[in-house]
Amino acid sequence: MNQPMTEQDMHERARKRVEARMGLYIHALVYVCVNLGLFVWNLVQGDPRWHVLPLFGWGLGLAIHALVTTLSLRGDGLRQRLFDQEMRRLKPPR
């Protein structure tokens, strides 16, 4: 059913996982930097607090990105457990 992973397969899988994490880290860093800049700009202008609108909207997008990344990195174990559970259900009782 499942064949052992070759060294090349493991390397490719590790590379993709690192890319997914780095993408999330970069997204979070840009989120913090841009929203900090918007906060300072809002303070200088003295207008009502409009900086919270992009903070929450973009924050929701970042949270979804984090959720998808986390689930995809842990998804293989979950996928295997669900598969094993289905196989046990489908086997006829003895």
PDB file of N, CA and C in Angstrom:
ATOM      1  N   MET A   1       0.825  -1.186   0.000  1.00  0.00           N
ATOM      2  CA  MET A   1       0.000   0.000   0.000  1.00  0.00           C
ATOM      3  C   MET A   1       0.876   1.259   0.000  1.00  0.00           C
ATOM      4  N   ASN A   2       1.509   1.551   1.126  1.00  0.00           N
ATOM      5  CA  ASN A   2       2.418   2.687   1.214  1.00  0.00           C
ATOM      6  C   ASN A   2       3.847   2.213   1.018  1.00  0.00           C
ATOM      7  N   GLN A   3       4.509   2.773   0.027  1.00  0.00           N
ATOM      8  CA  GLN A   3       5.901   2.422  -0.210  1.00  0.00           C
ATOM      9  C   GLN A   3       6.782   3.365   0.601  1.00  0.00           C
ATOM     10  N   PRO A   4       7.933   2.871   1.059  1.00  0.00           N
ATOM     11  CA  PRO A   4       8.829   3.748   1.809  1.00  0.00           C
ATOM     12  C   PRO A   4       9.314   4.904   0.936  1.00  0.00           C
ATOM     13  N   MET A   5       9.503   6.049   1.564  1.00  0.00           N
ATOM     14  CA  MET A   5       9.952   7.234   0.836  1.00  0.00           C
ATOM     15  C   MET A   5      11.445   7.126   0.538  1.00  0.00           C
ATOM     16  N   THR A   6      11.804   7.513  -0.661  1.00  0.00           N
ATOM     17  CA  THR A   6      13.222   7.562  -1.011  1.00  0.00           C
ATOM     18  C   THR A   6      13.824   8.839  -0.425  1.00  0.00           C
ATOM     19  N   GLU A   7      15.135   8.913  -0.458  1.00  0.00           N
ATOM     20  CA  GLU A   7      15.828  10.111   0.039  1.00  0.00           C
ATOM     21  C   GLU A   7      15.390  11.342  -0.750  1.00  0.00           C
ATOM     22  N   GLN A   8      15.220  11.175  -2.059  1.00  0.00           N
ATOM     23  CA  GLN A   8      14.785  12.289  -2.902  1.00  0.00           C
ATOM     24  C   GLN A   8      13.359  12.708  -2.548  1.00  0.00           C
ATOM     25  N   ASP A   9      12.466  11.741  -2.295  1.00  0.00           N
ATOM     26  CA  ASP A   9      11.097  12.055  -1.895  1.00  0.00           C
ATOM     27  C   ASP A   9      11.077  12.841  -0.586  1.00  0.00           C
ATOM     28  N   MET A  10      11.886  12.396   0.379  1.00  0.00           N
ATOM     29  CA  MET A  10      11.947  13.087   1.668  1.00  0.00           C
ATOM     30  C   MET A  10      12.485  14.504   1.502  1.00  0.00           C
ATOM     31  N   HIS A  11      13.489  14.656   0.639  1.00  0.00           N
ATOM     32  CA  HIS A  11      14.061  15.979   0.396  1.00  0.00           C
ATOM     33  C   HIS A  11      13.009  16.903  -0.208  1.00  0.00           C
ATOM     34  N   GLU A  12      12.278  16.425  -1.185  1.00  0.00           N
ATOM     35  CA  GLU A  12      11.247  17.229  -1.841  1.00  0.00           C
ATOM     36  C   GLU A  12      10.129  17.587  -0.868  1.00  0.00           C
ATOM     37  N   ARG A  13       9.724  16.630  -0.069  1.00  0.00           N
ATOM     38  CA  ARG A  13       8.659  16.878   0.910  1.00  0.00           C
ATOM     39  C   ARG A  13       9.113  17.898   1.955  1.00  0.00           C
ATOM     40  N   ALA A  14      10.335  17.758   2.435  1.00  0.00           N
ATOM     41  CA  ALA A  14      10.872  18.708   3.415  1.00  0.00           C
ATOM     42  C   ALA A  14      10.963  20.106   2.811  1.00  0.00           C
ATOM     43  N   ARG A  15      11.393  20.190   1.552  1.00  0.00           N
ATOM     44  CA  ARG A  15      11.494  21.487   0.885  1.00  0.00           C
ATOM     45  C   ARG A  15      10.132  22.169   0.795  1.00  0.00           C
ATOM     46  N   LYS A  16       9.100  21.419   0.421  1.00  0.00           N
ATOM     47  CA  LYS A  16       7.753  21.986   0.311  1.00  0.00           C
ATOM     48  C   LYS A  16       7.226  22.438   1.672  1.00  0.00           C
ATOM     49  N   ARG A  17       7.513  21.653   2.713  1.00  0.00           N
ATOM     50  CA  ARG A  17       7.058  22.015   4.054  1.00  0.00           C
ATOM     51  C   ARG A  17       7.753  23.289   4.538  1.00  0.00           C
ATOM     52  N   VAL A  18       9.047  23.407   4.255  1.00  0.00           N
ATOM     53  CA  VAL A  18       9.786  24.609   4.645  1.00  0.00           C
ATOM     54  C   VAL A  18       9.258  25.816   3.874  1.00  0.00           C
ATOM     55  N   GLU A  19       8.972  25.646   2.591  1.00  0.00           N
ATOM     56  CA  GLU A  19       8.413  26.744   1.793  1.00  0.00           C
ATOM     57  C   GLU A  19       7.070  27.199   2.350  1.00  0.00           C
ATOM     58  N   ALA A  20       6.233  26.258   2.777  1.00  0.00           N
ATOM     59  CA  ALA A  20       4.935  26.612   3.348  1.00  0.00           C
ATOM     60  C   ALA A  20       5.116  27.416   4.636  1.00  0.00           C
ATOM     61  N   ARG A  21       6.017  26.966   5.497  1.00  0.00           N
ATOM     62  CA  ARG A  21       6.272  27.695   6.751  1.00  0.00           C
ATOM     63  C   ARG A  21       6.852  29.079   6.475  1.00  0.00           C
ATOM     64  N   MET A  22       7.819  29.146   5.573  1.00  0.00           N
ATOM     65  CA  MET A  22       8.441  30.436   5.257  1.00  0.00           C
ATOM     66  C   MET A  22       7.418  31.408   4.666  1.00  0.00           C
ATOM     67  N   GLY A  23       6.523  30.909   3.838  1.00  0.00           N
ATOM     68  CA  GLY A  23       5.474  31.757   3.287  1.00  0.00           C
ATOM     69  C   GLY A  23       4.604  32.354   4.379  1.00  0.00           C
ATOM     70  N   LEU A  24       4.268  31.540   5.375  1.00  0.00           N
ATOM     71  CA  LEU A  24       3.466  32.031   6.495  1.00  0.00           C
ATOM     72  C   LEU A  24       4.259  33.042   7.322  1.00  0.00           C
ATOM     73  N   TYR A  25       5.531  32.753   7.600  1.00  0.00           N
ATOM     74  CA  TYR A  25       6.357  33.673   8.390  1.00  0.00           C
ATOM     75  C   TYR A  25       6.518  35.019   7.685  1.00  0.00           C
ATOM     76  N   ILE A  26       6.739  34.983   6.379  1.00  0.00           N
ATOM     77  CA  ILE A  26       6.887  36.225   5.618  1.00  0.00           C
ATOM     78  C   ILE A  26       5.574  37.000   5.622  1.00  0.00           C
ATOM     79  N   HIS A  27       4.460  36.308   5.447  1.00  0.00           N
ATOM     80  CA  HIS A  27       3.148  36.949   5.481  1.00  0.00           C
ATOM     81  C   HIS A  27       2.939  37.635   6.831  1.00  0.00           C
ATOM     82  N   ALA A  28       3.276  36.952   7.918  1.00  0.00           N
ATOM     83  CA  ALA A  28       3.105  37.524   9.257  1.00  0.00           C
ATOM     84  C   ALA A  28       4.011  38.744   9.452  1.00  0.00           C
ATOM     85  N   LEU A  29       5.242  38.669   8.977  1.00  0.00           N
ATOM     86  CA  LEU A  29       6.170  39.795   9.111  1.00  0.00           C
ATOM     87  C   LEU A  29       5.675  41.016   8.332  1.00  0.00           C
ATOM     88  N   VAL A  30       5.216  40.803   7.109  1.00  0.00           N
ATOM     89  CA  VAL A  30       4.690  41.906   6.303  1.00  0.00           C
ATOM     90  C   VAL A  30       3.448  42.490   6.971  1.00  0.00           C
ATOM     91  N   TYR A  31       2.592  41.641   7.514  1.00  0.00           N
ATOM     92  CA  TYR A  31       1.389  42.079   8.231  1.00  0.00           C
ATOM     93  C   TYR A  31       1.760  43.012   9.379  1.00  0.00           C
ATOM     94  N   VAL A  32       2.725  42.597  10.187  1.00  0.00           N
ATOM     95  CA  VAL A  32       3.133  43.409  11.336  1.00  0.00           C
ATOM     96  C   VAL A  32       3.733  44.736  10.874  1.00  0.00           C
ATOM     97  N   CYS A  33       4.641  44.694   9.923  1.00  0.00           N
ATOM     98  CA  CYS A  33       5.314  45.917   9.463  1.00  0.00           C
ATOM     99  C   CYS A  33       4.334  46.910   8.835  1.00  0.00           C
ATOM    100  N   VAL A  34       3.494  46.430   7.944  1.00  0.00           N
ATOM    101  CA  VAL A  34       2.553  47.323   7.264  1.00  0.00           C
ATOM    102  C   VAL A  34       1.547  47.893   8.257  1.00  0.00           C
ATOM    103  N   ASN A  35       1.009  47.056   9.129  1.00  0.00           N
ATOM    104  CA  ASN A  35       0.010  47.559  10.070  1.00  0.00           C
ATOM    105  C   ASN A  35       0.620  48.483  11.114  1.00  0.00           C
ATOM    106  N   LEU A  36       1.868  48.271  11.470  1.00  0.00           N
ATOM    107  CA  LEU A  36       2.562  49.207  12.353  1.00  0.00           C
ATOM    108  C   LEU A  36       2.720  50.557  11.650  1.00  0.00           C
ATOM    109  N   GLY A  37       3.083  50.517  10.377  1.00  0.00           N
ATOM    110  CA  GLY A  37       3.183  51.753   9.598  1.00  0.00           C
ATOM    111  C   GLY A  37       1.846  52.468   9.485  1.00  0.00           C
ATOM    112  N   LEU A  38       0.774  51.728   9.253  1.00  0.00           N
ATOM    113  CA  LEU A  38      -0.556  52.336   9.177  1.00  0.00           C
ATOM    114  C   LEU A  38      -0.963  52.941  10.515  1.00  0.00           C
ATOM    115  N   PHE A  39      -0.600  52.278  11.600  1.00  0.00           N
ATOM    116  CA  PHE A  39      -0.903  52.787  12.937  1.00  0.00           C
ATOM    117  C   PHE A  39      -0.192  54.122  13.177  1.00  0.00           C
ATOM    118  N   VAL A  40       1.089  54.174  12.843  1.00  0.00           N
ATOM    119  CA  VAL A  40       1.856  55.412  13.019  1.00  0.00           C
ATOM    120  C   VAL A  40       1.290  56.510  12.132  1.00  0.00           C
ATOM    121  N   TRP A  41       0.987  56.183  10.885  1.00  0.00           N
ATOM    122  CA  TRP A  41       0.417  57.165   9.962  1.00  0.00           C
ATOM    123  C   TRP A  41      -0.903  57.700  10.512  1.00  0.00           C
ATOM    124  N   ASN A  42      -1.723  56.821  11.051  1.00  0.00           N
ATOM    125  CA  ASN A  42      -3.001  57.220  11.629  1.00  0.00           C
ATOM    126  C   ASN A  42      -2.788  58.145  12.832  1.00  0.00           C
ATOM    127  N   LEU A  43      -1.780  57.860  13.652  1.00  0.00           N
ATOM    128  CA  LEU A  43      -1.481  58.726  14.797  1.00  0.00           C
ATOM    129  C   LEU A  43      -1.048  60.120  14.345  1.00  0.00           C
ATOM    130  N   VAL A  44      -0.214  60.167  13.307  1.00  0.00           N
ATOM    131  CA  VAL A  44       0.281  61.445  12.796  1.00  0.00           C
ATOM    132  C   VAL A  44      -0.864  62.263  12.218  1.00  0.00           C
ATOM    133  N   GLN A  45      -1.773  61.628  11.502  1.00  0.00           N
ATOM    134  CA  GLN A  45      -2.897  62.328  10.890  1.00  0.00           C
ATOM    135  C   GLN A  45      -3.889  62.819  11.930  1.00  0.00           C
ATOM    136  N   GLY A  46      -4.043  62.075  13.003  1.00  0.00           N
ATOM    137  CA  GLY A  46      -4.994  62.464  14.037  1.00  0.00           C
ATOM    138  C   GLY A  46      -6.440  62.168  13.683  1.00  0.00           C
ATOM    139  N   ASP A  47      -6.667  61.449  12.605  1.00  0.00           N
ATOM    140  CA  ASP A  47      -8.034  61.090  12.218  1.00  0.00           C
ATOM    141  C   ASP A  47      -8.581  60.039  13.173  1.00  0.00           C
ATOM    142  N   PRO A  48      -9.884  59.767  13.055  1.00  0.00           N
ATOM    143  CA  PRO A  48     -10.422  58.638  13.832  1.00  0.00           C
ATOM    144  C   PRO A  48      -9.649  57.358  13.497  1.00  0.00           C
ATOM    145  N   ARG A  49      -9.747  56.409  14.331  1.00  0.00           N
ATOM    146  CA  ARG A  49      -8.928  55.187  14.216  1.00  0.00           C
ATOM    147  C   ARG A  49      -9.348  54.302  13.038  1.00  0.00           C
ATOM    148  N   TRP A  50      -8.915  54.659  11.864  1.00  0.00           N
ATOM    149  CA  TRP A  50      -9.234  53.863  10.683  1.00  0.00           C
ATOM    150  C   TRP A  50      -8.273  52.699  10.498  1.00  0.00           C
ATOM    151  N   HIS A  51      -7.122  52.737  11.179  1.00  0.00           N
ATOM    152  CA  HIS A  51      -6.104  51.699  10.980  1.00  0.00           C
ATOM    153  C   HIS A  51      -6.573  50.311  11.417  1.00  0.00           C
ATOM    154  N   VAL A  52      -7.626  50.243  12.233  1.00  0.00           N
ATOM    155  CA  VAL A  52      -8.095  48.927  12.695  1.00  0.00           C
ATOM    156  C   VAL A  52      -8.811  48.155  11.593  1.00  0.00           C
ATOM    157  N   LEU A  53      -9.333  48.855  10.598  1.00  0.00           N
ATOM    158  CA  LEU A  53     -10.050  48.155   9.521  1.00  0.00           C
ATOM    159  C   LEU A  53      -9.125  47.215   8.747  1.00  0.00           C
ATOM    160  N   PRO A  54      -7.985  47.701   8.227  1.00  0.00           N
ATOM    161  CA  PRO A  54      -7.090  46.743   7.563  1.00  0.00           C
ATOM    162  C   PRO A  54      -6.482  45.744   8.544  1.00  0.00           C
ATOM    163  N   LEU A  55      -6.314  46.149   9.794  1.00  0.00           N
ATOM    164  CA  LEU A  55      -5.757  45.253  10.806  1.00  0.00           C
ATOM    165  C   LEU A  55      -6.628  44.006  10.954  1.00  0.00           C
ATOM    166  N   PHE A  56      -7.938  44.201  11.089  1.00  0.00           N
ATOM    167  CA  PHE A  56      -8.836  43.055  11.263  1.00  0.00           C
ATOM    168  C   PHE A  56      -9.071  42.291   9.964  1.00  0.00           C
ATOM    169  N   GLY A  57      -9.248  43.014   8.862  1.00  0.00           N
ATOM    170  CA  GLY A  57      -9.478  42.340   7.588  1.00  0.00           C
ATOM    171  C   GLY A  57      -8.298  41.482   7.169  1.00  0.00           C
ATOM    172  N   TRP A  58      -7.124  42.070   7.214  1.00  0.00           N
ATOM    173  CA  TRP A  58      -5.911  41.345   6.843  1.00  0.00           C
ATOM    174  C   TRP A  58      -5.604  40.282   7.889  1.00  0.00           C
ATOM    175  N   GLY A  59      -5.904  40.585   9.154  1.00  0.00           N
ATOM    176  CA  GLY A  59      -5.691  39.606  10.226  1.00  0.00           C
ATOM    177  C   GLY A  59      -6.496  38.340   9.994  1.00  0.00           C
ATOM    178  N   LEU A  60      -7.715  38.500   9.497  1.00  0.00           N
ATOM    179  CA  LEU A  60      -8.535  37.328   9.169  1.00  0.00           C
ATOM    180  C   LEU A  60      -7.872  36.514   8.061  1.00  0.00           C
ATOM    181  N   GLY A  61      -7.375  37.201   7.045  1.00  0.00           N
ATOM    182  CA  GLY A  61      -6.669  36.506   5.965  1.00  0.00           C
ATOM    183  C   GLY A  61      -5.426  35.789   6.463  1.00  0.00           C
ATOM    184  N   LEU A  62      -4.686  36.423   7.362  1.00  0.00           N
ATOM    185  CA  LEU A  62      -3.492  35.804   7.937  1.00  0.00           C
ATOM    186  C   LEU A  62      -3.870  34.594   8.785  1.00  0.00           C
ATOM    187  N   ALA A  63      -4.959  34.703   9.539  1.00  0.00           N
ATOM    188  CA  ALA A  63      -5.412  33.572  10.361  1.00  0.00           C
ATOM    189  C   ALA A  63      -5.802  32.383   9.484  1.00  0.00           C
ATOM    190  N   ILE A  64      -6.477  32.653   8.380  1.00  0.00           N
ATOM    191  CA  ILE A  64      -6.851  31.579   7.452  1.00  0.00           C
ATOM    192  C   ILE A  64      -5.594  30.961   6.841  1.00  0.00           C
ATOM    193  N   HIS A  65      -4.622  31.789   6.470  1.00  0.00           N
ATOM    194  CA  HIS A  65      -3.354  31.292   5.924  1.00  0.00           C
ATOM    195  C   HIS A  65      -2.669  30.385   6.942  1.00  0.00           C
ATOM    196  N   ALA A  66      -2.643  30.817   8.206  1.00  0.00           N
ATOM    197  CA  ALA A  66      -2.015  30.014   9.261  1.00  0.00           C
ATOM    198  C   ALA A  66      -2.747  28.691   9.453  1.00  0.00           C
ATOM    199  N   LEU A  67      -4.071  28.728   9.432  1.00  0.00           N
ATOM    200  CA  LEU A  67      -4.863  27.508   9.603  1.00  0.00           C
ATOM    201  C   LEU A  67      -4.612  26.528   8.463  1.00  0.00           C
ATOM    202  N   VAL A  68      -4.651  27.020   7.242  1.00  0.00           N
ATOM    203  CA  VAL A  68      -4.430  26.158   6.077  1.00  0.00           C
ATOM    204  C   VAL A  68      -3.019  25.577   6.096  1.00  0.00           C
ATOM    205  N   THR A  69      -2.030  26.399   6.433  1.00  0.00           N
ATOM    206  CA  THR A  69      -0.646  25.919   6.488  1.00  0.00           C
ATOM    207  C   THR A  69      -0.489  24.858   7.563  1.00  0.00           C
ATOM    208  N   THR A  70      -1.020  25.123   8.748  1.00  0.00           N
ATOM    209  CA  THR A  70      -0.907  24.171   9.852  1.00  0.00           C
ATOM    210  C   THR A  70      -1.592  22.855   9.511  1.00  0.00           C
ATOM    211  N   LEU A  71      -2.792  22.930   8.962  1.00  0.00           N
ATOM    212  CA  LEU A  71      -3.507  21.697   8.616  1.00  0.00           C
ATOM    213  C   LEU A  71      -2.803  20.935   7.504  1.00  0.00           C
ATOM    214  N   SER A  72      -2.231  21.648   6.548  1.00  0.00           N
ATOM    215  CA  SER A  72      -1.544  20.940   5.460  1.00  0.00           C
ATOM    216  C   SER A  72      -0.260  20.282   5.954  1.00  0.00           C
ATOM    217  N   LEU A  73       0.417  20.897   6.920  1.00  0.00           N
ATOM    218  CA  LEU A  73       1.646  20.302   7.444  1.00  0.00           C
ATOM    219  C   LEU A  73       1.354  19.102   8.331  1.00  0.00           C
ATOM    220  N   ARG A  74       0.210  19.102   8.983  1.00  0.00           N
ATOM    221  CA  ARG A  74      -0.155  17.985   9.855  1.00  0.00           C
ATOM    222  C   ARG A  74      -1.132  17.031   9.176  1.00  0.00           C
ATOM    223  N   GLY A  75      -1.538  17.366   7.970  1.00  0.00           N
ATOM    224  CA  GLY A  75      -2.588  16.628   7.293  1.00  0.00           C
ATOM    225  C   GLY A  75      -2.262  15.195   6.944  1.00  0.00           C
ATOM    226  N   ASP A  76      -0.987  14.886   6.716  1.00  0.00           N
ATOM    227  CA  ASP A  76      -0.636  13.526   6.323  1.00  0.00           C
ATOM    228  C   ASP A  76      -0.972  12.535   7.422  1.00  0.00           C
ATOM    229  N   GLY A  77      -0.661  12.871   8.650  1.00  0.00           N
ATOM    230  CA  GLY A  77      -0.980  11.980   9.761  1.00  0.00           C
ATOM    231  C   GLY A  77      -2.477  11.808   9.918  1.00  0.00           C
ATOM    232  N   LEU A  78      -3.211  12.904   9.793  1.00  0.00           N
ATOM    233  CA  LEU A  78      -4.665  12.850   9.897  1.00  0.00           C
ATOM    234  C   LEU A  78      -5.241  12.023   8.759  1.00  0.00           C
ATOM    235  N   ARG A  79      -4.733  12.249   7.566  1.00  0.00           N
ATOM    236  CA  ARG A  79      -5.213  11.514   6.395  1.00  0.00           C
ATOM    237  C   ARG A  79      -5.011  10.010   6.585  1.00  0.00           C
ATOM    238  N   GLN A  80      -3.846   9.636   7.103  1.00  0.00           N
ATOM    239  CA  GLN A  80      -3.554   8.219   7.324  1.00  0.00           C
ATOM    240  C   GLN A  80      -4.465   7.631   8.399  1.00  0.00           C
ATOM    241  N   ARG A  81      -4.701   8.373   9.484  1.00  0.00           N
ATOM    242  CA  ARG A  81      -5.594   7.884  10.547  1.00  0.00           C
ATOM    243  C   ARG A  81      -7.015   7.698  10.033  1.00  0.00           C
ATOM    244  N   LEU A  82      -7.503   8.655   9.236  1.00  0.00           N
ATOM    245  CA  LEU A  82      -8.850   8.527   8.671  1.00  0.00           C
ATOM    246  C   LEU A  82      -8.935   7.341   7.716  1.00  0.00           C
ATOM    247  N   PHE A  83      -7.881   7.152   6.926  1.00  0.00           N
ATOM    248  CA  PHE A  83      -7.843   6.019   6.010  1.00  0.00           C
ATOM    249  C   PHE A  83      -7.895   4.707   6.783  1.00  0.00           C
ATOM    250  N   ASP A  84      -7.075   4.584   7.827  1.00  0.00           N
ATOM    251  CA  ASP A  84      -7.058   3.364   8.639  1.00  0.00           C
ATOM    252  C   ASP A  84      -8.409   3.119   9.294  1.00  0.00           C
ATOM    253  N   GLN A  85      -9.039   4.189   9.756  1.00  0.00           N
ATOM    254  CA  GLN A  85     -10.356   4.070  10.381  1.00  0.00           C
ATOM    255  C   GLN A  85     -11.385   3.554   9.369  1.00  0.00           C
ATOM    256  N   GLU A  86     -11.357   4.084   8.158  1.00  0.00           N
ATOM    257  CA  GLU A  86     -12.289   3.620   7.122  1.00  0.00           C
ATOM    258  C   GLU A  86     -12.039   2.165   6.765  1.00  0.00           C
ATOM    259  N   MET A  87     -10.784   1.771   6.688  1.00  0.00           N
ATOM    260  CA  MET A  87     -10.465   0.378   6.378  1.00  0.00           C
ATOM    261  C   MET A  87     -11.017  -0.554   7.454  1.00  0.00           C
ATOM    262  N   ARG A  88     -10.914  -0.154   8.710  1.00  0.00           N
ATOM    263  CA  ARG A  88     -11.467  -0.980   9.793  1.00  0.00           C
ATOM    264  C   ARG A  88     -12.982  -1.076   9.683  1.00  0.00           C
ATOM    265  N   ARG A  89     -13.634   0.010   9.297  1.00  0.00           N
ATOM    266  CA  ARG A  89     -15.098  -0.003   9.155  1.00  0.00           C
ATOM    267  C   ARG A  89     -15.548  -0.897   8.000  1.00  0.00           C
ATOM    268  N   LEU A  90     -14.770  -0.902   6.935  1.00  0.00           N
ATOM    269  CA  LEU A  90     -15.163  -1.649   5.746  1.00  0.00           C
ATOM    270  C   LEU A  90     -14.896  -3.145   5.850  1.00  0.00           C
ATOM    271  N   LYS A  91     -13.995  -3.535   6.728  1.00  0.00           N
ATOM    272  CA  LYS A  91     -13.701  -4.961   6.871  1.00  0.00           C
ATOM    273  C   LYS A  91     -14.900  -5.667   7.483  1.00  0.00           C
ATOM    274  N   PRO A  92     -15.229  -6.837   6.934  1.00  0.00           N
ATOM    275  CA  PRO A  92     -16.377  -7.577   7.490  1.00  0.00           C
ATOM    276  C   PRO A  92     -16.049  -8.074   8.903  1.00  0.00           C
ATOM    277  N   PRO A  93     -17.062  -8.120   9.769  1.00  0.00           N
ATOM    278  CA  PRO A  93     -16.827  -8.622  11.129  1.00  0.00           C
ATOM    279  C   PRO A  93     -16.474 -10.102  11.096  1.00  0.00           C
ATOM    280  N   ARG A  94     -15.669 -10.529  12.042  1.00  0.00           N
ATOM    281  CA  ARG A  94     -15.234 -11.934  12.079  1.00  0.00           C
ATOM    282  C   ARG A  94     -16.093 -12.732  12.998  1.00  0.00           C
TER     283      ARG A  94
END
